[in-house]
Amino acid sequence: MIHFISYFDPPWHNERNVADALAWHGCEVRRYHLPDPQDRPGRNHSTMIERGDVVLTSVPQFIPVPELRRY
């Protein structure tokens, strides 16, 4: 499982292309839209990230370090 926290709109953003390519190659990708703080792993009834999962983000400066460590 790959968790991708970033911007996906407008559709020409590189983040969307990377997530689409990973999904096309058979990876399970969950996308979390950065501007909505409730749309993050483990919030708003979404699945928590378990040990061994991969977290990708193109904008780590917008996510507090303790929150990134928890993911």
N, C-alpha and C. Protein backbone atom coordinates (compact mmCIF):
# COMPACT_ATOMS: atom_id res chain seq x y z
N MET A 1 0.85 -1.18 0.00
CA MET A 1 0.00 0.00 0.00
C MET A 1 0.89 1.24 0.00
N ILE A 2 0.60 2.15 -0.89
CA ILE A 2 1.31 3.42 -0.96
C ILE A 2 0.31 4.53 -0.61
N HIS A 3 0.66 5.34 0.36
CA HIS A 3 -0.16 6.49 0.74
C HIS A 3 0.50 7.73 0.16
N PHE A 4 -0.24 8.51 -0.60
CA PHE A 4 0.31 9.67 -1.29
C PHE A 4 -0.45 10.90 -0.81
N ILE A 5 0.25 11.77 -0.05
CA ILE A 5 -0.35 13.00 0.48
C ILE A 5 0.19 14.16 -0.35
N SER A 6 -0.69 14.81 -1.09
CA SER A 6 -0.22 15.89 -1.96
C SER A 6 -1.39 16.64 -2.57
N TYR A 7 -1.09 17.38 -3.62
CA TYR A 7 -2.12 18.06 -4.43
C TYR A 7 -2.37 17.22 -5.66
N PHE A 8 -3.61 17.07 -6.07
CA PHE A 8 -3.92 16.29 -7.26
C PHE A 8 -4.77 17.09 -8.24
N ASP A 9 -5.11 18.29 -7.92
CA ASP A 9 -5.87 19.15 -8.82
C ASP A 9 -5.12 20.45 -8.97
N PRO A 10 -5.01 21.00 -10.13
CA PRO A 10 -5.57 20.54 -11.40
C PRO A 10 -4.89 19.27 -11.89
N PRO A 11 -5.52 18.60 -12.87
CA PRO A 11 -5.08 17.27 -13.26
C PRO A 11 -3.70 17.20 -13.89
N TRP A 12 -3.09 18.30 -14.24
CA TRP A 12 -1.75 18.24 -14.84
C TRP A 12 -0.63 18.27 -13.81
N HIS A 13 -0.96 18.26 -12.52
CA HIS A 13 0.07 18.23 -11.49
C HIS A 13 0.87 16.93 -11.59
N ASN A 14 2.16 17.01 -11.35
CA ASN A 14 3.03 15.84 -11.40
C ASN A 14 2.61 14.77 -10.39
N GLU A 15 2.06 15.20 -9.25
CA GLU A 15 1.64 14.23 -8.24
C GLU A 15 0.62 13.25 -8.82
N ARG A 16 -0.32 13.77 -9.59
CA ARG A 16 -1.34 12.89 -10.20
C ARG A 16 -0.68 11.92 -11.17
N ASN A 17 0.29 12.39 -11.94
CA ASN A 17 0.97 11.51 -12.89
C ASN A 17 1.74 10.40 -12.17
N VAL A 18 2.42 10.74 -11.06
CA VAL A 18 3.16 9.73 -10.31
C VAL A 18 2.21 8.71 -9.72
N ALA A 19 1.14 9.16 -9.09
CA ALA A 19 0.17 8.24 -8.49
C ALA A 19 -0.48 7.36 -9.55
N ASP A 20 -0.81 7.93 -10.71
CA ASP A 20 -1.40 7.14 -11.79
C ASP A 20 -0.42 6.09 -12.30
N ALA A 21 0.86 6.46 -12.43
CA ALA A 21 1.86 5.51 -12.92
C ALA A 21 2.06 4.37 -11.93
N LEU A 22 2.10 4.69 -10.63
CA LEU A 22 2.24 3.63 -9.62
C LEU A 22 1.05 2.68 -9.65
N ALA A 23 -0.14 3.24 -9.78
CA ALA A 23 -1.35 2.42 -9.85
C ALA A 23 -1.35 1.57 -11.13
N TRP A 24 -0.91 2.13 -12.23
CA TRP A 24 -0.86 1.40 -13.50
C TRP A 24 0.08 0.21 -13.41
N HIS A 25 1.15 0.34 -12.62
CA HIS A 25 2.11 -0.74 -12.44
C HIS A 25 1.67 -1.74 -11.37
N GLY A 26 0.47 -1.62 -10.88
CA GLY A 26 -0.08 -2.62 -9.97
C GLY A 26 0.00 -2.29 -8.50
N CYS A 27 0.51 -1.12 -8.13
CA CYS A 27 0.57 -0.74 -6.71
C CYS A 27 -0.79 -0.24 -6.26
N GLU A 28 -1.13 -0.55 -5.02
CA GLU A 28 -2.35 0.01 -4.45
C GLU A 28 -2.01 1.39 -3.89
N VAL A 29 -2.63 2.43 -4.43
CA VAL A 29 -2.31 3.80 -4.06
C VAL A 29 -3.54 4.46 -3.47
N ARG A 30 -3.39 4.98 -2.26
CA ARG A 30 -4.45 5.82 -1.67
C ARG A 30 -3.98 7.26 -1.71
N ARG A 31 -4.83 8.13 -2.19
CA ARG A 31 -4.47 9.53 -2.35
C ARG A 31 -5.18 10.37 -1.29
N TYR A 32 -4.42 11.25 -0.69
CA TYR A 32 -4.96 12.16 0.32
C TYR A 32 -4.68 13.57 -0.15
N HIS A 33 -5.72 14.38 -0.27
CA HIS A 33 -5.59 15.73 -0.80
C HIS A 33 -5.12 16.67 0.31
N LEU A 34 -3.94 17.26 0.14
CA LEU A 34 -3.28 18.05 1.17
C LEU A 34 -4.10 19.21 1.71
N PRO A 35 -4.80 20.00 0.87
CA PRO A 35 -5.51 21.17 1.41
C PRO A 35 -6.56 20.84 2.47
N ASP A 36 -7.07 19.62 2.48
CA ASP A 36 -8.07 19.22 3.47
C ASP A 36 -7.37 18.47 4.61
N PRO A 37 -7.16 19.11 5.77
CA PRO A 37 -6.43 18.45 6.86
C PRO A 37 -7.15 17.21 7.39
N GLN A 38 -8.44 17.08 7.16
CA GLN A 38 -9.15 15.89 7.61
C GLN A 38 -8.97 14.72 6.64
N ASP A 39 -8.45 15.00 5.45
CA ASP A 39 -8.21 13.94 4.47
C ASP A 39 -6.75 13.50 4.56
N ARG A 40 -6.41 12.91 5.68
CA ARG A 40 -5.06 12.38 5.93
C ARG A 40 -5.21 10.97 6.45
N PRO A 41 -4.18 10.15 6.34
CA PRO A 41 -4.31 8.78 6.85
C PRO A 41 -4.73 8.76 8.32
N GLY A 42 -5.73 7.96 8.62
CA GLY A 42 -6.18 7.81 10.00
C GLY A 42 -7.19 8.84 10.45
N ARG A 43 -7.55 9.76 9.60
CA ARG A 43 -8.55 10.77 9.97
C ARG A 43 -9.80 10.60 9.13
N ASN A 44 -10.90 11.05 9.66
CA ASN A 44 -12.16 11.07 8.94
C ASN A 44 -12.52 9.67 8.41
N HIS A 45 -12.36 8.66 9.26
CA HIS A 45 -12.72 7.28 8.95
C HIS A 45 -11.84 6.65 7.88
N SER A 46 -10.66 7.21 7.59
CA SER A 46 -9.76 6.57 6.63
C SER A 46 -8.85 5.59 7.37
N THR A 47 -8.22 4.74 6.64
CA THR A 47 -7.40 3.68 7.22
C THR A 47 -6.08 4.24 7.75
N MET A 48 -5.67 3.76 8.92
CA MET A 48 -4.37 4.14 9.47
C MET A 48 -3.27 3.46 8.66
N ILE A 49 -2.13 4.10 8.61
CA ILE A 49 -0.98 3.50 7.95
C ILE A 49 -0.37 2.47 8.89
N GLU A 50 -0.16 1.29 8.39
CA GLU A 50 0.45 0.23 9.17
C GLU A 50 1.94 0.17 8.86
N ARG A 51 2.72 -0.42 9.75
CA ARG A 51 4.16 -0.58 9.55
C ARG A 51 4.42 -1.30 8.23
N GLY A 52 5.37 -0.78 7.48
CA GLY A 52 5.73 -1.40 6.21
C GLY A 52 5.13 -0.70 5.01
N ASP A 53 4.17 0.18 5.22
CA ASP A 53 3.59 0.95 4.12
C ASP A 53 4.53 2.08 3.72
N VAL A 54 4.29 2.61 2.55
CA VAL A 54 5.11 3.70 2.02
C VAL A 54 4.28 4.97 2.01
N VAL A 55 4.87 6.07 2.46
CA VAL A 55 4.21 7.37 2.44
C VAL A 55 5.00 8.27 1.50
N LEU A 56 4.32 8.82 0.51
CA LEU A 56 4.93 9.78 -0.40
C LEU A 56 4.25 11.12 -0.22
N THR A 57 5.02 12.18 -0.27
CA THR A 57 4.45 13.52 -0.29
C THR A 57 5.42 14.43 -1.03
N SER A 58 4.86 15.33 -1.80
CA SER A 58 5.70 16.28 -2.54
C SER A 58 5.86 17.58 -1.77
N VAL A 59 5.14 17.72 -0.69
CA VAL A 59 5.17 18.97 0.07
C VAL A 59 5.30 18.70 1.57
N PRO A 60 6.40 18.11 2.01
CA PRO A 60 6.54 17.78 3.43
C PRO A 60 6.58 19.00 4.33
N GLN A 61 6.91 20.16 3.77
CA GLN A 61 6.98 21.37 4.58
C GLN A 61 5.61 21.80 5.11
N PHE A 62 4.53 21.27 4.57
CA PHE A 62 3.19 21.62 5.02
C PHE A 62 2.63 20.64 6.04
N ILE A 63 3.38 19.58 6.35
CA ILE A 63 2.92 18.58 7.30
C ILE A 63 3.86 18.61 8.49
N PRO A 64 3.37 18.76 9.71
CA PRO A 64 4.24 18.80 10.88
C PRO A 64 5.09 17.52 10.99
N VAL A 65 6.33 17.68 11.43
CA VAL A 65 7.26 16.55 11.54
C VAL A 65 6.69 15.43 12.41
N PRO A 66 6.09 15.72 13.58
CA PRO A 66 5.53 14.61 14.38
C PRO A 66 4.47 13.82 13.62
N GLU A 67 3.69 14.52 12.80
CA GLU A 67 2.66 13.81 12.02
C GLU A 67 3.31 12.93 10.95
N LEU A 68 4.32 13.41 10.28
CA LEU A 68 5.04 12.60 9.29
C LEU A 68 5.69 11.38 9.94
N ARG A 69 6.26 11.54 11.12
CA ARG A 69 6.88 10.41 11.83
C ARG A 69 5.85 9.35 12.19
N ARG A 70 4.65 9.80 12.56
CA ARG A 70 3.58 8.86 12.91
C ARG A 70 3.17 8.03 11.69
N TYR A 71 3.18 8.64 10.53
CA TYR A 71 2.84 7.89 9.31
C TYR A 71 3.92 6.91 8.96
